[in-house]
Amino acid sequence: MKEILADLDRWKRQGKRVALARVVDVEGSGPRLPGAAMAVTEDGEVAGSVSGGCVEGAVVTEALQVIADGSRKMVTFGYSDDEAFAVGLTCGGTIHLFLEPLDW
């Protein structure tokens, strides 16, 4: 979370709407542990990481939806280790994320 604080501060000063995605649980192997965070602005700027690249694009899409409708939600992304290896990912497992809009 600390790695994105400077970006969050800048975006707050700029008046941007932002969604925050946080890893809340990992099943099996996963690239980031619970507590890892990623912030997304309404215009698609990103800070931080929740998956090391495996599902970041899908998380951005979910975050933009959270910004648009003001909702909070849990989302889950996962692959078995064999499925992940077959498509070239370095990790398998399942990550559970909580997404919410930031209320400045």
PDB file of N, CA and C in Angstrom:
ATOM      1  N   MET A   1       0.816  -1.192   0.000  1.00  0.00           N
ATOM      2  CA  MET A   1       0.000   0.000   0.000  1.00  0.00           C
ATOM      3  C   MET A   1       0.863   1.261   0.000  1.00  0.00           C
ATOM      4  N   LYS A   2       1.975   1.233   0.749  1.00  0.00           N
ATOM      5  CA  LYS A   2       2.828   2.417   0.834  1.00  0.00           C
ATOM      6  C   LYS A   2       3.352   2.846  -0.529  1.00  0.00           C
ATOM      7  N   GLU A   3       3.544   1.884  -1.432  1.00  0.00           N
ATOM      8  CA  GLU A   3       4.106   2.201  -2.742  1.00  0.00           C
ATOM      9  C   GLU A   3       3.192   3.073  -3.594  1.00  0.00           C
ATOM     10  N   ILE A   4       1.911   3.152  -3.273  1.00  0.00           N
ATOM     11  CA  ILE A   4       0.993   3.945  -4.092  1.00  0.00           C
ATOM     12  C   ILE A   4       0.574   5.259  -3.432  1.00  0.00           C
ATOM     13  N   LEU A   5       1.072   5.534  -2.231  1.00  0.00           N
ATOM     14  CA  LEU A   5       0.639   6.727  -1.507  1.00  0.00           C
ATOM     15  C   LEU A   5       0.942   8.027  -2.247  1.00  0.00           C
ATOM     16  N   ALA A   6       2.108   8.136  -2.850  1.00  0.00           N
ATOM     17  CA  ALA A   6       2.450   9.371  -3.570  1.00  0.00           C
ATOM     18  C   ALA A   6       1.496   9.603  -4.736  1.00  0.00           C
ATOM     19  N   ASP A   7       1.156   8.523  -5.458  1.00  0.00           N
ATOM     20  CA  ASP A   7       0.207   8.662  -6.568  1.00  0.00           C
ATOM     21  C   ASP A   7      -1.175   9.044  -6.052  1.00  0.00           C
ATOM     22  N   LEU A   8      -1.615   8.416  -4.961  1.00  0.00           N
ATOM     23  CA  LEU A   8      -2.919   8.755  -4.393  1.00  0.00           C
ATOM     24  C   LEU A   8      -2.970  10.212  -3.971  1.00  0.00           C
ATOM     25  N   ASP A   9      -1.912  10.701  -3.364  1.00  0.00           N
ATOM     26  CA  ASP A   9      -1.862  12.099  -2.944  1.00  0.00           C
ATOM     27  C   ASP A   9      -1.959  13.031  -4.148  1.00  0.00           C
ATOM     28  N   ARG A  10      -1.215  12.711  -5.203  1.00  0.00           N
ATOM     29  CA  ARG A  10      -1.247  13.545  -6.415  1.00  0.00           C
ATOM     30  C   ARG A  10      -2.636  13.543  -7.039  1.00  0.00           C
ATOM     31  N   TRP A  11      -3.239  12.353  -7.137  1.00  0.00           N
ATOM     32  CA  TRP A  11      -4.574  12.257  -7.743  1.00  0.00           C
ATOM     33  C   TRP A  11      -5.623  12.984  -6.907  1.00  0.00           C
ATOM     34  N   LYS A  12      -5.481  12.945  -5.593  1.00  0.00           N
ATOM     35  CA  LYS A  12      -6.405  13.679  -4.732  1.00  0.00           C
ATOM     36  C   LYS A  12      -6.307  15.175  -5.006  1.00  0.00           C
ATOM     37  N   ARG A  13      -5.067  15.695  -5.092  1.00  0.00           N
ATOM     38  CA  ARG A  13      -4.866  17.121  -5.390  1.00  0.00           C
ATOM     39  C   ARG A  13      -5.438  17.497  -6.747  1.00  0.00           C
ATOM     40  N   GLN A  14      -5.407  16.552  -7.706  1.00  0.00           N
ATOM     41  CA  GLN A  14      -5.931  16.801  -9.045  1.00  0.00           C
ATOM     42  C   GLN A  14      -7.448  16.607  -9.127  1.00  0.00           C
ATOM     43  N   GLY A  15      -8.055  16.139  -8.056  1.00  0.00           N
ATOM     44  CA  GLY A  15      -9.502  15.951  -8.039  1.00  0.00           C
ATOM     45  C   GLY A  15      -9.992  14.738  -8.813  1.00  0.00           C
ATOM     46  N   LYS A  16      -9.128  13.761  -9.010  1.00  0.00           N
ATOM     47  CA  LYS A  16      -9.514  12.577  -9.776  1.00  0.00           C
ATOM     48  C   LYS A  16     -10.295  11.593  -8.905  1.00  0.00           C
ATOM     49  N   ARG A  17     -11.216  10.911  -9.558  1.00  0.00           N
ATOM     50  CA  ARG A  17     -11.921   9.819  -8.894  1.00  0.00           C
ATOM     51  C   ARG A  17     -11.056   8.570  -9.034  1.00  0.00           C
ATOM     52  N   VAL A  18     -10.978   7.775  -7.955  1.00  0.00           N
ATOM     53  CA  VAL A  18     -10.057   6.652  -7.888  1.00  0.00           C
ATOM     54  C   VAL A  18     -10.746   5.456  -7.246  1.00  0.00           C
ATOM     55  N   ALA A  19     -10.416   4.261  -7.749  1.00  0.00           N
ATOM     56  CA  ALA A  19     -10.834   3.016  -7.108  1.00  0.00           C
ATOM     57  C   ALA A  19      -9.586   2.311  -6.595  1.00  0.00           C
ATOM     58  N   LEU A  20      -9.752   1.631  -5.479  1.00  0.00           N
ATOM     59  CA  LEU A  20      -8.662   0.884  -4.870  1.00  0.00           C
ATOM     60  C   LEU A  20      -9.012  -0.596  -4.877  1.00  0.00           C
ATOM     61  N   ALA A  21      -8.083  -1.419  -5.368  1.00  0.00           N
ATOM     62  CA  ALA A  21      -8.231  -2.881  -5.349  1.00  0.00           C
ATOM     63  C   ALA A  21      -7.191  -3.432  -4.394  1.00  0.00           C
ATOM     64  N   ARG A  22      -7.629  -4.304  -3.465  1.00  0.00           N
ATOM     65  CA  ARG A  22      -6.701  -4.889  -2.501  1.00  0.00           C
ATOM     66  C   ARG A  22      -6.848  -6.399  -2.482  1.00  0.00           C
ATOM     67  N   VAL A  23      -5.719  -7.095  -2.438  1.00  0.00           N
ATOM     68  CA  VAL A  23      -5.728  -8.542  -2.275  1.00  0.00           C
ATOM     69  C   VAL A  23      -6.168  -8.824  -0.842  1.00  0.00           C
ATOM     70  N   VAL A  24      -7.241  -9.634  -0.691  1.00  0.00           N
ATOM     71  CA  VAL A  24      -7.714  -9.978   0.648  1.00  0.00           C
ATOM     72  C   VAL A  24      -7.494 -11.451   0.977  1.00  0.00           C
ATOM     73  N   ASP A  25      -7.244 -12.276  -0.049  1.00  0.00           N
ATOM     74  CA  ASP A  25      -6.986 -13.692   0.196  1.00  0.00           C
ATOM     75  C   ASP A  25      -6.330 -14.292  -1.039  1.00  0.00           C
ATOM     76  N   VAL A  26      -5.509 -15.310  -0.825  1.00  0.00           N
ATOM     77  CA  VAL A  26      -4.860 -16.051  -1.906  1.00  0.00           C
ATOM     78  C   VAL A  26      -5.011 -17.528  -1.603  1.00  0.00           C
ATOM     79  N   GLU A  27      -5.432 -18.292  -2.604  1.00  0.00           N
ATOM     80  CA  GLU A  27      -5.506 -19.746  -2.472  1.00  0.00           C
ATOM     81  C   GLU A  27      -4.484 -20.341  -3.424  1.00  0.00           C
ATOM     82  N   GLY A  28      -3.674 -21.265  -2.946  1.00  0.00           N
ATOM     83  CA  GLY A  28      -2.615 -21.829  -3.777  1.00  0.00           C
ATOM     84  C   GLY A  28      -1.507 -20.812  -3.942  1.00  0.00           C
ATOM     85  N   SER A  29      -0.789 -20.918  -5.056  1.00  0.00           N
ATOM     86  CA  SER A  29       0.303 -19.970  -5.291  1.00  0.00           C
ATOM     87  C   SER A  29      -0.258 -18.673  -5.857  1.00  0.00           C
ATOM     88  N   GLY A  30       0.399 -17.582  -5.546  1.00  0.00           N
ATOM     89  CA  GLY A  30      -0.034 -16.282  -6.035  1.00  0.00           C
ATOM     90  C   GLY A  30       1.132 -15.319  -6.023  1.00  0.00           C
ATOM     91  N   PRO A  31       1.130 -14.358  -6.928  1.00  0.00           N
ATOM     92  CA  PRO A  31       2.263 -13.447  -7.037  1.00  0.00           C
ATOM     93  C   PRO A  31       2.320 -12.386  -5.950  1.00  0.00           C
ATOM     94  N   ARG A  32       1.186 -12.021  -5.373  1.00  0.00           N
ATOM     95  CA  ARG A  32       1.155 -10.964  -4.347  1.00  0.00           C
ATOM     96  C   ARG A  32       0.355 -11.460  -3.153  1.00  0.00           C
ATOM     97  N   LEU A  33       0.770 -11.079  -1.982  1.00  0.00           N
ATOM     98  CA  LEU A  33       0.130 -11.506  -0.745  1.00  0.00           C
ATOM     99  C   LEU A  33      -1.017 -10.574  -0.363  1.00  0.00           C
ATOM    100  N   PRO A  34      -1.896 -11.027   0.549  1.00  0.00           N
ATOM    101  CA  PRO A  34      -2.942 -10.132   1.040  1.00  0.00           C
ATOM    102  C   PRO A  34      -2.342  -8.819   1.528  1.00  0.00           C
ATOM    103  N   GLY A  35      -3.033  -7.749   1.186  1.00  0.00           N
ATOM    104  CA  GLY A  35      -2.554  -6.408   1.507  1.00  0.00           C
ATOM    105  C   GLY A  35      -2.008  -5.682   0.292  1.00  0.00           C
ATOM    106  N   ALA A  36      -1.599  -6.430  -0.728  1.00  0.00           N
ATOM    107  CA  ALA A  36      -1.111  -5.780  -1.950  1.00  0.00           C
ATOM    108  C   ALA A  36      -2.246  -4.935  -2.534  1.00  0.00           C
ATOM    109  N   ALA A  37      -1.897  -3.786  -3.087  1.00  0.00           N
ATOM    110  CA  ALA A  37      -2.922  -2.856  -3.552  1.00  0.00           C
ATOM    111  C   ALA A  37      -2.589  -2.268  -4.915  1.00  0.00           C
ATOM    112  N   MET A  38      -3.658  -1.917  -5.615  1.00  0.00           N
ATOM    113  CA  MET A  38      -3.544  -1.239  -6.898  1.00  0.00           C
ATOM    114  C   MET A  38      -4.630  -0.172  -6.937  1.00  0.00           C
ATOM    115  N   ALA A  39      -4.276   1.026  -7.385  1.00  0.00           N
ATOM    116  CA  ALA A  39      -5.233   2.114  -7.523  1.00  0.00           C
ATOM    117  C   ALA A  39      -5.386   2.437  -9.000  1.00  0.00           C
ATOM    118  N   VAL A  40      -6.614   2.779  -9.390  1.00  0.00           N
ATOM    119  CA  VAL A  40      -6.934   3.099 -10.786  1.00  0.00           C
ATOM    120  C   VAL A  40      -7.742   4.387 -10.802  1.00  0.00           C
ATOM    121  N   THR A  41      -7.345   5.331 -11.654  1.00  0.00           N
ATOM    122  CA  THR A  41      -8.100   6.578 -11.775  1.00  0.00           C
ATOM    123  C   THR A  41      -9.190   6.420 -12.814  1.00  0.00           C
ATOM    124  N   GLU A  42     -10.101   7.388 -12.812  1.00  0.00           N
ATOM    125  CA  GLU A  42     -11.206   7.389 -13.768  1.00  0.00           C
ATOM    126  C   GLU A  42     -10.728   7.442 -15.219  1.00  0.00           C
ATOM    127  N   ASP A  43      -9.509   7.949 -15.452  1.00  0.00           N
ATOM    128  CA  ASP A  43      -8.988   7.982 -16.823  1.00  0.00           C
ATOM    129  C   ASP A  43      -7.975   6.880 -17.097  1.00  0.00           C
ATOM    130  N   GLY A  44      -7.931   5.867 -16.221  1.00  0.00           N
ATOM    131  CA  GLY A  44      -7.149   4.664 -16.487  1.00  0.00           C
ATOM    132  C   GLY A  44      -5.710   4.660 -16.024  1.00  0.00           C
ATOM    133  N   GLU A  45      -5.278   5.678 -15.274  1.00  0.00           N
ATOM    134  CA  GLU A  45      -3.923   5.630 -14.708  1.00  0.00           C
ATOM    135  C   GLU A  45      -3.894   4.562 -13.619  1.00  0.00           C
ATOM    136  N   VAL A  46      -2.763   3.869 -13.503  1.00  0.00           N
ATOM    137  CA  VAL A  46      -2.641   2.777 -12.553  1.00  0.00           C
ATOM    138  C   VAL A  46      -1.395   2.956 -11.700  1.00  0.00           C
ATOM    139  N   ALA A  47      -1.534   2.637 -10.422  1.00  0.00           N
ATOM    140  CA  ALA A  47      -0.391   2.596  -9.508  1.00  0.00           C
ATOM    141  C   ALA A  47      -0.503   1.320  -8.696  1.00  0.00           C
ATOM    142  N   GLY A  48       0.622   0.664  -8.469  1.00  0.00           N
ATOM    143  CA  GLY A  48       0.633  -0.557  -7.682  1.00  0.00           C
ATOM    144  C   GLY A  48       0.315  -1.782  -8.515  1.00  0.00           C
ATOM    145  N   SER A  49       0.197  -2.911  -7.824  1.00  0.00           N
ATOM    146  CA  SER A  49      -0.039  -4.187  -8.497  1.00  0.00           C
ATOM    147  C   SER A  49      -0.702  -5.160  -7.530  1.00  0.00           C
ATOM    148  N   VAL A  50      -1.626  -5.945  -8.053  1.00  0.00           N
ATOM    149  CA  VAL A  50      -2.259  -6.987  -7.251  1.00  0.00           C
ATOM    150  C   VAL A  50      -1.965  -8.384  -7.767  1.00  0.00           C
ATOM    151  N   SER A  51      -1.356  -8.457  -8.953  1.00  0.00           N
ATOM    152  CA  SER A  51      -1.131  -9.788  -9.522  1.00  0.00           C
ATOM    153  C   SER A  51       0.180  -9.945 -10.258  1.00  0.00           C
ATOM    154  N   GLY A  52       1.000  -8.943 -10.294  1.00  0.00           N
ATOM    155  CA  GLY A  52       2.247  -9.052 -11.026  1.00  0.00           C
ATOM    156  C   GLY A  52       2.043  -9.138 -12.528  1.00  0.00           C
ATOM    157  N   GLY A  53       0.864  -8.753 -13.013  1.00  0.00           N
ATOM    158  CA  GLY A  53       0.601  -8.728 -14.441  1.00  0.00           C
ATOM    159  C   GLY A  53      -0.373  -9.766 -14.932  1.00  0.00           C
ATOM    160  N   CYS A  54      -0.606 -10.821 -14.163  1.00  0.00           N
ATOM    161  CA  CYS A  54      -1.459 -11.918 -14.625  1.00  0.00           C
ATOM    162  C   CYS A  54      -2.878 -11.469 -14.962  1.00  0.00           C
ATOM    163  N   VAL A  55      -3.473 -10.635 -14.131  1.00  0.00           N
ATOM    164  CA  VAL A  55      -4.863 -10.229 -14.338  1.00  0.00           C
ATOM    165  C   VAL A  55      -5.065  -8.718 -14.207  1.00  0.00           C
ATOM    166  N   GLU A  56      -4.005  -7.956 -14.278  1.00  0.00           N
ATOM    167  CA  GLU A  56      -4.097  -6.516 -14.050  1.00  0.00           C
ATOM    168  C   GLU A  56      -5.109  -5.834 -14.984  1.00  0.00           C
ATOM    169  N   GLY A  57      -5.155  -6.220 -16.245  1.00  0.00           N
ATOM    170  CA  GLY A  57      -6.096  -5.609 -17.189  1.00  0.00           C
ATOM    171  C   GLY A  57      -7.532  -5.803 -16.764  1.00  0.00           C
ATOM    172  N   ALA A  58      -7.862  -6.994 -16.303  1.00  0.00           N
ATOM    173  CA  ALA A  58      -9.222  -7.274 -15.838  1.00  0.00           C
ATOM    174  C   ALA A  58      -9.532  -6.480 -14.573  1.00  0.00           C
ATOM    175  N   VAL A  59      -8.539  -6.281 -13.720  1.00  0.00           N
ATOM    176  CA  VAL A  59      -8.741  -5.505 -12.494  1.00  0.00           C
ATOM    177  C   VAL A  59      -9.009  -4.046 -12.849  1.00  0.00           C
ATOM    178  N   VAL A  60      -8.323  -3.515 -13.843  1.00  0.00           N
ATOM    179  CA  VAL A  60      -8.576  -2.139 -14.281  1.00  0.00           C
ATOM    180  C   VAL A  60     -10.027  -2.008 -14.746  1.00  0.00           C
ATOM    181  N   THR A  61     -10.503  -2.962 -15.533  1.00  0.00           N
ATOM    182  CA  THR A  61     -11.886  -2.932 -16.009  1.00  0.00           C
ATOM    183  C   THR A  61     -12.861  -2.929 -14.835  1.00  0.00           C
ATOM    184  N   GLU A  62     -12.620  -3.793 -13.853  1.00  0.00           N
ATOM    185  CA  GLU A  62     -13.485  -3.849 -12.668  1.00  0.00           C
ATOM    186  C   GLU A  62     -13.416  -2.535 -11.893  1.00  0.00           C
ATOM    187  N   ALA A  63     -12.225  -1.960 -11.763  1.00  0.00           N
ATOM    188  CA  ALA A  63     -12.056  -0.712 -11.026  1.00  0.00           C
ATOM    189  C   ALA A  63     -12.793   0.437 -11.706  1.00  0.00           C
ATOM    190  N   LEU A  64     -12.740   0.504 -13.016  1.00  0.00           N
ATOM    191  CA  LEU A  64     -13.451   1.561 -13.737  1.00  0.00           C
ATOM    192  C   LEU A  64     -14.954   1.442 -13.529  1.00  0.00           C
ATOM    193  N   GLN A  65     -15.458   0.213 -13.439  1.00  0.00           N
ATOM    194  CA  GLN A  65     -16.876   0.009 -13.168  1.00  0.00           C
ATOM    195  C   GLN A  65     -17.235   0.481 -11.764  1.00  0.00           C
ATOM    196  N   VAL A  66     -16.363   0.194 -10.797  1.00  0.00           N
ATOM    197  CA  VAL A  66     -16.567   0.636  -9.418  1.00  0.00           C
ATOM    198  C   VAL A  66     -16.621   2.164  -9.358  1.00  0.00           C
ATOM    199  N   ILE A  67     -15.741   2.822 -10.084  1.00  0.00           N
ATOM    200  CA  ILE A  67     -15.746   4.288 -10.129  1.00  0.00           C
ATOM    201  C   ILE A  67     -17.053   4.788 -10.731  1.00  0.00           C
ATOM    202  N   ALA A  68     -17.486   4.152 -11.819  1.00  0.00           N
ATOM    203  CA  ALA A  68     -18.677   4.598 -12.537  1.00  0.00           C
ATOM    204  C   ALA A  68     -19.947   4.473 -11.704  1.00  0.00           C
ATOM    205  N   ASP A  69     -20.086   3.368 -10.973  1.00  0.00           N
ATOM    206  CA  ASP A  69     -21.350   3.167 -10.255  1.00  0.00           C
ATOM    207  C   ASP A  69     -21.250   3.319  -8.738  1.00  0.00           C
ATOM    208  N   GLY A  70     -20.055   3.597  -8.223  1.00  0.00           N
ATOM    209  CA  GLY A  70     -19.889   3.824  -6.795  1.00  0.00           C
ATOM    210  C   GLY A  70     -20.030   2.589  -5.925  1.00  0.00           C
ATOM    211  N   SER A  71     -19.972   1.422  -6.554  1.00  0.00           N
ATOM    212  CA  SER A  71     -20.165   0.176  -5.813  1.00  0.00           C
ATOM    213  C   SER A  71     -18.879  -0.285  -5.138  1.00  0.00           C
ATOM    214  N   ARG A  72     -19.034  -1.243  -4.256  1.00  0.00           N
ATOM    215  CA  ARG A  72     -17.910  -1.982  -3.677  1.00  0.00           C
ATOM    216  C   ARG A  72     -18.154  -3.425  -4.045  1.00  0.00           C
ATOM    217  N   LYS A  73     -17.088  -4.170  -4.308  1.00  0.00           N
ATOM    218  CA  LYS A  73     -17.300  -5.563  -4.670  1.00  0.00           C
ATOM    219  C   LYS A  73     -16.082  -6.419  -4.427  1.00  0.00           C
ATOM    220  N   MET A  74     -16.350  -7.702  -4.301  1.00  0.00           N
ATOM    221  CA  MET A  74     -15.309  -8.725  -4.242  1.00  0.00           C
ATOM    222  C   MET A  74     -15.241  -9.358  -5.623  1.00  0.00           C
ATOM    223  N   VAL A  75     -14.029  -9.577  -6.112  1.00  0.00           N
ATOM    224  CA  VAL A  75     -13.837 -10.298  -7.374  1.00  0.00           C
ATOM    225  C   VAL A  75     -12.771 -11.357  -7.155  1.00  0.00           C
ATOM    226  N   THR A  76     -12.874 -12.416  -7.924  1.00  0.00           N
ATOM    227  CA  THR A  76     -11.948 -13.535  -7.808  1.00  0.00           C
ATOM    228  C   THR A  76     -11.391 -13.860  -9.173  1.00  0.00           C
ATOM    229  N   PHE A  77     -10.087 -14.075  -9.224  1.00  0.00           N
ATOM    230  CA  PHE A  77      -9.409 -14.486 -10.441  1.00  0.00           C
ATOM    231  C   PHE A  77      -8.567 -15.697 -10.100  1.00  0.00           C
ATOM    232  N   GLY A  78      -8.597 -16.703 -10.976  1.00  0.00           N
ATOM    233  CA  GLY A  78      -7.776 -17.859 -10.656  1.00  0.00           C
ATOM    234  C   GLY A  78      -7.581 -18.820 -11.800  1.00  0.00           C
ATOM    235  N   TYR A  79      -6.503 -19.546 -11.687  1.00  0.00           N
ATOM    236  CA  TYR A  79      -6.120 -20.608 -12.606  1.00  0.00           C
ATOM    237  C   TYR A  79      -5.479 -21.705 -11.774  1.00  0.00           C
ATOM    238  N   SER A  80      -5.633 -22.918 -12.222  1.00  0.00           N
ATOM    239  CA  SER A  80      -4.829 -23.968 -11.599  1.00  0.00           C
ATOM    240  C   SER A  80      -3.393 -23.773 -12.064  1.00  0.00           C
ATOM    241  N   ASP A  81      -2.432 -24.336 -11.357  1.00  0.00           N
ATOM    242  CA  ASP A  81      -1.035 -24.198 -11.759  1.00  0.00           C
ATOM    243  C   ASP A  81      -0.820 -24.727 -13.170  1.00  0.00           C
ATOM    244  N   ASP A  82      -1.466 -25.852 -13.531  1.00  0.00           N
ATOM    245  CA  ASP A  82      -1.316 -26.420 -14.874  1.00  0.00           C
ATOM    246  C   ASP A  82      -1.893 -25.497 -15.942  1.00  0.00           C
ATOM    247  N   GLU A  83      -3.073 -24.918 -15.684  1.00  0.00           N
ATOM    248  CA  GLU A  83      -3.681 -24.000 -16.648  1.00  0.00           C
ATOM    249  C   GLU A  83      -2.814 -22.759 -16.816  1.00  0.00           C
ATOM    250  N   ALA A  84      -2.295 -22.241 -15.718  1.00  0.00           N
ATOM    251  CA  ALA A  84      -1.448 -21.051 -15.784  1.00  0.00           C
ATOM    252  C   ALA A  84      -0.206 -21.317 -16.620  1.00  0.00           C
ATOM    253  N   PHE A  85       0.436 -22.442 -16.388  1.00  0.00           N
ATOM    254  CA  PHE A  85       1.643 -22.788 -17.142  1.00  0.00           C
ATOM    255  C   PHE A  85       1.328 -22.919 -18.626  1.00  0.00           C
ATOM    256  N   ALA A  86       0.185 -23.508 -18.962  1.00  0.00           N
ATOM    257  CA  ALA A  86      -0.193 -23.731 -20.364  1.00  0.00           C
ATOM    258  C   ALA A  86      -0.357 -22.421 -21.126  1.00  0.00           C
ATOM    259  N   VAL A  87      -0.797 -21.351 -20.438  1.00  0.00           N
ATOM    260  CA  VAL A  87      -0.983 -20.079 -21.135  1.00  0.00           C
ATOM    261  C   VAL A  87       0.169 -19.117 -20.887  1.00  0.00           C
ATOM    262  N   GLY A  88       1.240 -19.607 -20.267  1.00  0.00           N
ATOM    263  CA  GLY A  88       2.440 -18.798 -20.112  1.00  0.00           C
ATOM    264  C   GLY A  88       2.502 -17.939 -18.870  1.00  0.00           C
ATOM    265  N   LEU A  89       1.611 -18.155 -17.919  1.00  0.00           N
ATOM    266  CA  LEU A  89       1.672 -17.395 -16.678  1.00  0.00           C
ATOM    267  C   LEU A  89       2.647 -18.072 -15.721  1.00  0.00           C
ATOM    268  N   THR A  90       3.237 -17.296 -14.861  1.00  0.00           N
ATOM    269  CA  THR A  90       4.236 -17.849 -13.947  1.00  0.00           C
ATOM    270  C   THR A  90       3.628 -18.368 -12.657  1.00  0.00           C
ATOM    271  N   CYS A  91       2.358 -18.117 -12.439  1.00  0.00           N
ATOM    272  CA  CYS A  91       1.742 -18.542 -11.185  1.00  0.00           C
ATOM    273  C   CYS A  91       0.359 -19.106 -11.448  1.00  0.00           C
ATOM    274  N   GLY A  92      -0.065 -19.963 -10.580  1.00  0.00           N
ATOM    275  CA  GLY A  92      -1.434 -20.458 -10.614  1.00  0.00           C
ATOM    276  C   GLY A  92      -2.142 -19.869  -9.414  1.00  0.00           C
ATOM    277  N   GLY A  93      -3.044 -20.629  -8.841  1.00  0.00           N
ATOM    278  CA  GLY A  93      -3.724 -20.165  -7.646  1.00  0.00           C
ATOM    279  C   GLY A  93      -4.871 -19.230  -7.954  1.00  0.00           C
ATOM    280  N   THR A  94      -5.482 -18.766  -6.892  1.00  0.00           N
ATOM    281  CA  THR A  94      -6.647 -17.889  -6.975  1.00  0.00           C
ATOM    282  C   THR A  94      -6.418 -16.696  -6.063  1.00  0.00           C
ATOM    283  N   ILE A  95      -6.736 -15.502  -6.574  1.00  0.00           N
ATOM    284  CA  ILE A  95      -6.654 -14.311  -5.739  1.00  0.00           C
ATOM    285  C   ILE A  95      -8.049 -13.715  -5.586  1.00  0.00           C
ATOM    286  N   HIS A  96      -8.324 -13.255  -4.380  1.00  0.00           N
ATOM    287  CA  HIS A  96      -9.591 -12.603  -4.067  1.00  0.00           C
ATOM    288  C   HIS A  96      -9.286 -11.137  -3.781  1.00  0.00           C
ATOM    289  N   LEU A  97     -10.000 -10.257  -4.472  1.00  0.00           N
ATOM    290  CA  LEU A  97      -9.763  -8.825  -4.355  1.00  0.00           C
ATOM    291  C   LEU A  97     -11.012  -8.107  -3.872  1.00  0.00           C
ATOM    292  N   PHE A  98     -10.809  -7.070  -3.070  1.00  0.00           N
ATOM    293  CA  PHE A  98     -11.891  -6.171  -2.684  1.00  0.00           C
ATOM    294  C   PHE A  98     -11.638  -4.850  -3.387  1.00  0.00           C
ATOM    295  N   LEU A  99     -12.647  -4.372  -4.115  1.00  0.00           N
ATOM    296  CA  LEU A  99     -12.540  -3.100  -4.836  1.00  0.00           C
ATOM    297  C   LEU A  99     -13.544  -2.113  -4.270  1.00  0.00           C
ATOM    298  N   GLU A 100     -13.080  -0.867  -4.120  1.00  0.00           N
ATOM    299  CA  GLU A 100     -13.972   0.177  -3.641  1.00  0.00           C
ATOM    300  C   GLU A 100     -13.514   1.536  -4.168  1.00  0.00           C
ATOM    301  N   PRO A 101     -14.467   2.449  -4.356  1.00  0.00           N
ATOM    302  CA  PRO A 101     -14.072   3.812  -4.724  1.00  0.00           C
ATOM    303  C   PRO A 101     -13.500   4.504  -3.504  1.00  0.00           C
ATOM    304  N   LEU A 102     -12.490   5.334  -3.704  1.00  0.00           N
ATOM    305  CA  LEU A 102     -11.959   6.118  -2.587  1.00  0.00           C
ATOM    306  C   LEU A 102     -12.849   7.322  -2.359  1.00  0.00           C
ATOM    307  N   ASP A 103     -13.117   7.600  -1.115  1.00  0.00           N
ATOM    308  CA  ASP A 103     -13.906   8.758  -0.729  1.00  0.00           C
ATOM    309  C   ASP A 103     -12.938   9.752  -0.105  1.00  0.00           C
ATOM    310  N   TRP A 104     -12.532  10.718  -0.883  1.00  0.00           N
ATOM    311  CA  TRP A 104     -11.546  11.682  -0.400  1.00  0.00           C
ATOM    312  C   TRP A 104     -12.114  12.427   0.783  1.00  0.00           C
TER     313      TRP A 104
END
